[in-house]
Amino acid sequence: MDHTSLTKPRSFTMAYAGFVRELKTPADVALPLADGTDQVKRERLELCAVWDTGATNTVISKQVARRLGLRPIRLVRCCTVGGVVDSNVYLVSLFLPNMVCFLAVEAMEGQLEDCDLLVGMDIIGCGDFAVTHPEGKAVLSFRVPSMARIDFVQEDRGQGSVPADQPPKRNRPCPCGSGKKYKKCHGAP
């Protein structure tokens, strides 16, 4: 999985008006980008993406592949809810909110209902992914690359991560994953 090489992590958060049964975010899909390619001039399809931790791979609809003029890079046999099928695999670039992007995603073709893009564990597993429900309203947050272990048990015991609106305690490990204490890393004056 190739995501943009960044000096700092990229992240986004989507807050929903209430409880949701599907986690949907905006996303753009385009032809794969080579180094030095001008991203702005590339045709992008604006889509609604459904995030699915039960899906091994990212999936695009046949209509998306056709609209972008994609050529399959191979054919794979895969297990779906409908049974075992042969599926085309395409190479695409994926642009998520707040400039979170993946330049070379192997997306499988599949039949999707109510969306044209399904974000699978191949993308989710590249970063930190959390879903919370403060005040009964769903919030999805995603960051790439992965920077910290999210552990609600340790947090409840006062040993884990802290809310985003409060800085970590100075003598705890820095949440960036450097291994340094917060006061010697991001908490340094």
C-alpha atoms as a PDB file:
ATOM      1  CA  MET A   1       0.000   0.000   0.000  1.00  0.00           C
ATOM      2  CA  ASP A   2       1.504   3.268  -1.081  1.00  0.00           C
ATOM      3  CA  HIS A   3       0.260   6.371   0.683  1.00  0.00           C
ATOM      4  CA  THR A   4       1.766   9.785   0.280  1.00  0.00           C
ATOM      5  CA  SER A   5       5.046  10.127   2.102  1.00  0.00           C
ATOM      6  CA  LEU A   6       4.429  12.926   4.540  1.00  0.00           C
ATOM      7  CA  THR A   7       6.565  14.554   7.184  1.00  0.00           C
ATOM      8  CA  LYS A   8       3.531  14.733   9.439  1.00  0.00           C
ATOM      9  CA  PRO A   9       0.464  12.552   9.716  1.00  0.00           C
ATOM     10  CA  ARG A  10      -2.737  13.312   7.854  1.00  0.00           C
ATOM     11  CA  SER A  11      -6.093  12.826   9.469  1.00  0.00           C
ATOM     12  CA  PHE A  12      -9.767  13.646   9.262  1.00  0.00           C
ATOM     13  CA  THR A  13     -12.802  13.405  11.492  1.00  0.00           C
ATOM     14  CA  MET A  14     -16.412  13.075  10.383  1.00  0.00           C
ATOM     15  CA  ALA A  15     -19.136  13.935  12.885  1.00  0.00           C
ATOM     16  CA  TYR A  16     -22.635  12.680  12.157  1.00  0.00           C
ATOM     17  CA  ALA A  17     -25.933  14.182  13.354  1.00  0.00           C
ATOM     18  CA  GLY A  18     -26.872  11.057  15.313  1.00  0.00           C
ATOM     19  CA  PHE A  19     -26.466   7.280  15.406  1.00  0.00           C
ATOM     20  CA  VAL A  20     -25.612   5.827  11.983  1.00  0.00           C
ATOM     21  CA  ARG A  21     -25.774   2.270  10.638  1.00  0.00           C
ATOM     22  CA  GLU A  22     -23.197   2.972   7.929  1.00  0.00           C
ATOM     23  CA  LEU A  23     -20.037   5.048   8.147  1.00  0.00           C
ATOM     24  CA  LYS A  24     -19.987   7.183   4.999  1.00  0.00           C
ATOM     25  CA  THR A  25     -17.459   9.811   3.979  1.00  0.00           C
ATOM     26  CA  PRO A  26     -16.732  11.712   0.793  1.00  0.00           C
ATOM     27  CA  ALA A  27     -13.914  10.325  -1.341  1.00  0.00           C
ATOM     28  CA  ASP A  28     -12.463  10.884  -4.783  1.00  0.00           C
ATOM     29  CA  VAL A  29     -11.114   8.130  -7.016  1.00  0.00           C
ATOM     30  CA  ALA A  30      -8.764   8.770  -9.932  1.00  0.00           C
ATOM     31  CA  LEU A  31      -6.316   7.003 -12.190  1.00  0.00           C
ATOM     32  CA  PRO A  32      -3.191   6.020 -10.257  1.00  0.00           C
ATOM     33  CA  LEU A  33      -0.706   8.842  -9.842  1.00  0.00           C
ATOM     34  CA  ALA A  34       2.952   8.470 -10.633  1.00  0.00           C
ATOM     35  CA  ASP A  35       5.514  10.628  -8.865  1.00  0.00           C
ATOM     36  CA  GLY A  36       5.517  14.120 -10.348  1.00  0.00           C
ATOM     37  CA  THR A  37       2.029  13.823 -11.822  1.00  0.00           C
ATOM     38  CA  ASP A  38      -0.096  16.911 -11.365  1.00  0.00           C
ATOM     39  CA  GLN A  39      -2.967  15.810  -9.111  1.00  0.00           C
ATOM     40  CA  VAL A  40      -5.075  18.865  -9.899  1.00  0.00           C
ATOM     41  CA  LYS A  41      -5.294  18.141 -13.619  1.00  0.00           C
ATOM     42  CA  ARG A  42      -6.351  14.514 -13.147  1.00  0.00           C
ATOM     43  CA  GLU A  43     -10.025  13.644 -13.505  1.00  0.00           C
ATOM     44  CA  ARG A  44     -11.434  12.614 -10.167  1.00  0.00           C
ATOM     45  CA  LEU A  45     -14.777  11.046  -9.493  1.00  0.00           C
ATOM     46  CA  GLU A  46     -16.443  12.404  -6.384  1.00  0.00           C
ATOM     47  CA  LEU A  47     -18.017   9.484  -4.555  1.00  0.00           C
ATOM     48  CA  CYS A  48     -19.610   8.535  -1.284  1.00  0.00           C
ATOM     49  CA  ALA A  49     -17.461   5.903   0.441  1.00  0.00           C
ATOM     50  CA  VAL A  50     -18.729   3.325   2.910  1.00  0.00           C
ATOM     51  CA  TRP A  51     -16.147   2.177   5.493  1.00  0.00           C
ATOM     52  CA  ASP A  52     -16.289  -1.573   6.159  1.00  0.00           C
ATOM     53  CA  THR A  53     -13.996  -3.321   8.654  1.00  0.00           C
ATOM     54  CA  GLY A  54     -15.425  -6.628   7.442  1.00  0.00           C
ATOM     55  CA  ALA A  55     -14.048  -6.108   3.930  1.00  0.00           C
ATOM     56  CA  THR A  56     -10.505  -7.256   3.279  1.00  0.00           C
ATOM     57  CA  ASN A  57      -9.960  -4.960   0.287  1.00  0.00           C
ATOM     58  CA  THR A  58     -11.211  -1.699  -1.110  1.00  0.00           C
ATOM     59  CA  VAL A  59     -13.952  -2.222  -3.716  1.00  0.00           C
ATOM     60  CA  ILE A  60     -15.153  -0.021  -6.570  1.00  0.00           C
ATOM     61  CA  SER A  61     -18.216  -0.507  -8.715  1.00  0.00           C
ATOM     62  CA  LYS A  62     -18.095  -1.506 -12.361  1.00  0.00           C
ATOM     63  CA  GLN A  63     -19.510   1.956 -13.194  1.00  0.00           C
ATOM     64  CA  VAL A  64     -16.513   3.691 -11.560  1.00  0.00           C
ATOM     65  CA  ALA A  65     -14.062   1.501 -13.478  1.00  0.00           C
ATOM     66  CA  ARG A  66     -15.879   2.250 -16.706  1.00  0.00           C
ATOM     67  CA  ARG A  67     -16.147   6.025 -16.091  1.00  0.00           C
ATOM     68  CA  LEU A  68     -12.393   6.275 -15.416  1.00  0.00           C
ATOM     69  CA  GLY A  69     -11.486   3.983 -18.305  1.00  0.00           C
ATOM     70  CA  LEU A  70      -9.584   1.659 -15.969  1.00  0.00           C
ATOM     71  CA  ARG A  71      -7.860  -1.463 -17.277  1.00  0.00           C
ATOM     72  CA  PRO A  72      -7.680  -4.482 -14.957  1.00  0.00           C
ATOM     73  CA  ILE A  73      -4.221  -5.378 -13.671  1.00  0.00           C
ATOM     74  CA  ARG A  74      -5.332  -8.932 -12.867  1.00  0.00           C
ATOM     75  CA  LEU A  75      -8.289 -11.183 -12.132  1.00  0.00           C
ATOM     76  CA  VAL A  76      -8.750 -12.695  -8.662  1.00  0.00           C
ATOM     77  CA  ARG A  77     -11.150 -15.169  -7.114  1.00  0.00           C
ATOM     78  CA  CYS A  78     -12.790 -13.745  -4.008  1.00  0.00           C
ATOM     79  CA  CYS A  79     -15.428 -14.628  -1.449  1.00  0.00           C
ATOM     80  CA  THR A  80     -18.371 -12.251  -1.182  1.00  0.00           C
ATOM     81  CA  VAL A  81     -21.716 -12.286   0.563  1.00  0.00           C
ATOM     82  CA  GLY A  82     -23.152 -13.637  -2.689  1.00  0.00           C
ATOM     83  CA  GLY A  83     -20.593 -16.446  -2.968  1.00  0.00           C
ATOM     84  CA  VAL A  84     -17.263 -16.984  -4.722  1.00  0.00           C
ATOM     85  CA  VAL A  85     -16.742 -14.795  -7.795  1.00  0.00           C
ATOM     86  CA  ASP A  86     -13.965 -13.783 -10.158  1.00  0.00           C
ATOM     87  CA  SER A  87     -13.224 -10.065  -9.840  1.00  0.00           C
ATOM     88  CA  ASN A  88     -11.148  -7.571 -11.791  1.00  0.00           C
ATOM     89  CA  VAL A  89      -8.515  -5.673  -9.805  1.00  0.00           C
ATOM     90  CA  TYR A  90      -7.653  -2.090 -10.759  1.00  0.00           C
ATOM     91  CA  LEU A  91      -4.950   0.300  -9.629  1.00  0.00           C
ATOM     92  CA  VAL A  92      -6.406   3.655  -8.489  1.00  0.00           C
ATOM     93  CA  SER A  93      -5.590   6.701  -6.409  1.00  0.00           C
ATOM     94  CA  LEU A  94      -7.876   7.360  -3.461  1.00  0.00           C
ATOM     95  CA  PHE A  95      -8.401  10.846  -1.995  1.00  0.00           C
ATOM     96  CA  LEU A  96     -10.116  11.063   1.379  1.00  0.00           C
ATOM     97  CA  PRO A  97     -11.094  14.235   3.281  1.00  0.00           C
ATOM     98  CA  ASN A  98      -8.418  16.658   4.510  1.00  0.00           C
ATOM     99  CA  MET A  99      -5.757  15.562   2.009  1.00  0.00           C
ATOM    100  CA  VAL A 100      -5.517  11.981   3.270  1.00  0.00           C
ATOM    101  CA  CYS A 101      -4.546  10.180   0.068  1.00  0.00           C
ATOM    102  CA  PHE A 102      -3.332   6.834  -1.189  1.00  0.00           C
ATOM    103  CA  LEU A 103      -1.610   6.921  -4.574  1.00  0.00           C
ATOM    104  CA  ALA A 104      -1.656   3.224  -5.487  1.00  0.00           C
ATOM    105  CA  VAL A 105      -4.625   1.246  -4.197  1.00  0.00           C
ATOM    106  CA  GLU A 106      -5.476  -2.160  -5.634  1.00  0.00           C
ATOM    107  CA  ALA A 107      -9.265  -1.899  -5.748  1.00  0.00           C
ATOM    108  CA  MET A 108     -11.402  -4.885  -6.576  1.00  0.00           C
ATOM    109  CA  GLU A 109     -14.488  -4.589  -8.737  1.00  0.00           C
ATOM    110  CA  GLY A 110     -17.691  -5.571  -6.999  1.00  0.00           C
ATOM    111  CA  GLN A 111     -21.425  -5.103  -6.858  1.00  0.00           C
ATOM    112  CA  LEU A 112     -22.153  -2.411  -4.297  1.00  0.00           C
ATOM    113  CA  GLU A 113     -25.504  -1.150  -3.087  1.00  0.00           C
ATOM    114  CA  ASP A 114     -26.072   2.534  -2.313  1.00  0.00           C
ATOM    115  CA  CYS A 115     -22.438   3.490  -3.011  1.00  0.00           C
ATOM    116  CA  ASP A 116     -19.678   3.173  -5.611  1.00  0.00           C
ATOM    117  CA  LEU A 117     -16.732   2.781  -3.215  1.00  0.00           C
ATOM    118  CA  LEU A 118     -16.157   0.579  -0.195  1.00  0.00           C
ATOM    119  CA  VAL A 119     -13.102   1.338   1.957  1.00  0.00           C
ATOM    120  CA  GLY A 120     -11.726  -1.943   3.305  1.00  0.00           C
ATOM    121  CA  MET A 121      -9.100  -3.074   5.770  1.00  0.00           C
ATOM    122  CA  ASP A 122      -6.304  -2.549   3.234  1.00  0.00           C
ATOM    123  CA  ILE A 123      -6.825   1.209   3.823  1.00  0.00           C
ATOM    124  CA  ILE A 124      -8.138   1.151   7.399  1.00  0.00           C
ATOM    125  CA  GLY A 125      -5.177  -0.984   8.494  1.00  0.00           C
ATOM    126  CA  CYS A 126      -2.686   1.673   7.322  1.00  0.00           C
ATOM    127  CA  GLY A 127      -3.659   4.051  10.084  1.00  0.00           C
ATOM    128  CA  ASP A 128      -5.504   4.677  13.328  1.00  0.00           C
ATOM    129  CA  PHE A 129      -9.271   4.263  13.014  1.00  0.00           C
ATOM    130  CA  ALA A 130     -11.811   5.000  15.735  1.00  0.00           C
ATOM    131  CA  VAL A 131     -15.568   5.274  15.976  1.00  0.00           C
ATOM    132  CA  THR A 132     -17.101   6.899  19.027  1.00  0.00           C
ATOM    133  CA  HIS A 133     -20.606   7.971  19.995  1.00  0.00           C
ATOM    134  CA  PRO A 134     -20.421  10.941  22.363  1.00  0.00           C
ATOM    135  CA  GLU A 135     -23.903  12.209  23.226  1.00  0.00           C
ATOM    136  CA  GLY A 136     -25.419   9.572  20.902  1.00  0.00           C
ATOM    137  CA  LYS A 137     -23.799  11.082  17.794  1.00  0.00           C
ATOM    138  CA  ALA A 138     -21.386   9.003  15.731  1.00  0.00           C
ATOM    139  CA  VAL A 139     -17.864  10.298  15.099  1.00  0.00           C
ATOM    140  CA  LEU A 140     -15.384   8.582  12.748  1.00  0.00           C
ATOM    141  CA  SER A 141     -11.737   9.587  13.011  1.00  0.00           C
ATOM    142  CA  PHE A 142      -8.905   8.292  10.812  1.00  0.00           C
ATOM    143  CA  ARG A 143      -5.181   9.095  10.810  1.00  0.00           C
ATOM    144  CA  VAL A 144      -2.377   7.837   8.609  1.00  0.00           C
ATOM    145  CA  PRO A 145       0.213   6.625   9.369  1.00  0.00           C
ATOM    146  CA  SER A 146      -0.649   4.849  12.601  1.00  0.00           C
ATOM    147  CA  MET A 147       0.881   6.774  15.506  1.00  0.00           C
ATOM    148  CA  ALA A 148      -0.525   5.410  18.740  1.00  0.00           C
ATOM    149  CA  ARG A 149      -2.299   2.465  20.249  1.00  0.00           C
ATOM    150  CA  ILE A 150      -5.875   3.286  21.184  1.00  0.00           C
ATOM    151  CA  ASP A 151      -6.755   1.365  24.337  1.00  0.00           C
ATOM    152  CA  PHE A 152      -9.914   2.358  26.188  1.00  0.00           C
ATOM    153  CA  VAL A 153      -9.187  -0.053  29.054  1.00  0.00           C
ATOM    154  CA  GLN A 154      -5.864   1.655  29.794  1.00  0.00           C
ATOM    155  CA  GLU A 155      -7.489   5.061  29.326  1.00  0.00           C
ATOM    156  CA  ASP A 156     -10.145   4.153  31.919  1.00  0.00           C
ATOM    157  CA  ARG A 157      -7.325   3.198  34.294  1.00  0.00           C
ATOM    158  CA  GLY A 158      -5.581   6.525  33.639  1.00  0.00           C
ATOM    159  CA  GLN A 159      -2.759   4.889  31.671  1.00  0.00           C
ATOM    160  CA  GLY A 160      -3.787   5.390  28.052  1.00  0.00           C
ATOM    161  CA  SER A 161      -4.512   8.177  25.633  1.00  0.00           C
ATOM    162  CA  VAL A 162      -6.198  11.380  26.711  1.00  0.00           C
ATOM    163  CA  PRO A 163      -8.987  13.420  25.102  1.00  0.00           C
ATOM    164  CA  ALA A 164      -7.827  15.508  22.143  1.00  0.00           C
ATOM    165  CA  ASP A 165      -8.698  18.761  23.917  1.00  0.00           C
ATOM    166  CA  GLN A 166      -6.241  17.999  26.758  1.00  0.00           C
ATOM    167  CA  PRO A 167      -2.479  17.600  26.346  1.00  0.00           C
ATOM    168  CA  PRO A 168      -0.940  14.349  27.629  1.00  0.00           C
ATOM    169  CA  LYS A 169       0.641  14.367  31.078  1.00  0.00           C
ATOM    170  CA  ARG A 170       4.244  15.567  30.805  1.00  0.00           C
ATOM    171  CA  ASN A 171       5.866  12.371  32.124  1.00  0.00           C
ATOM    172  CA  ARG A 172       3.812   9.970  29.967  1.00  0.00           C
ATOM    173  CA  PRO A 173       5.048   8.680  26.582  1.00  0.00           C
ATOM    174  CA  CYS A 174       4.437  11.084  23.725  1.00  0.00           C
ATOM    175  CA  PRO A 175       1.410  10.007  21.617  1.00  0.00           C
ATOM    176  CA  CYS A 176       3.458  10.489  18.415  1.00  0.00           C
ATOM    177  CA  GLY A 177       5.169   7.146  19.107  1.00  0.00           C
ATOM    178  CA  SER A 178       8.713   8.527  19.389  1.00  0.00           C
ATOM    179  CA  GLY A 179       9.322   6.669  22.666  1.00  0.00           C
ATOM    180  CA  LYS A 180      10.239   9.938  24.412  1.00  0.00           C
ATOM    181  CA  LYS A 181       8.334  11.457  27.291  1.00  0.00           C
ATOM    182  CA  TYR A 182       5.825  14.088  26.190  1.00  0.00           C
ATOM    183  CA  LYS A 183       7.776  16.860  27.973  1.00  0.00           C
ATOM    184  CA  LYS A 184      10.938  16.022  25.940  1.00  0.00           C
ATOM    185  CA  CYS A 185       9.108  15.685  22.608  1.00  0.00           C
ATOM    186  CA  HIS A 186       5.949  17.506  21.479  1.00  0.00           C
ATOM    187  CA  GLY A 187       5.453  19.068  24.921  1.00  0.00           C
ATOM    188  CA  ALA A 188       8.842  20.785  24.887  1.00  0.00           C
ATOM    189  CA  PRO A 189       8.580  24.598  25.206  1.00  0.00           C
END
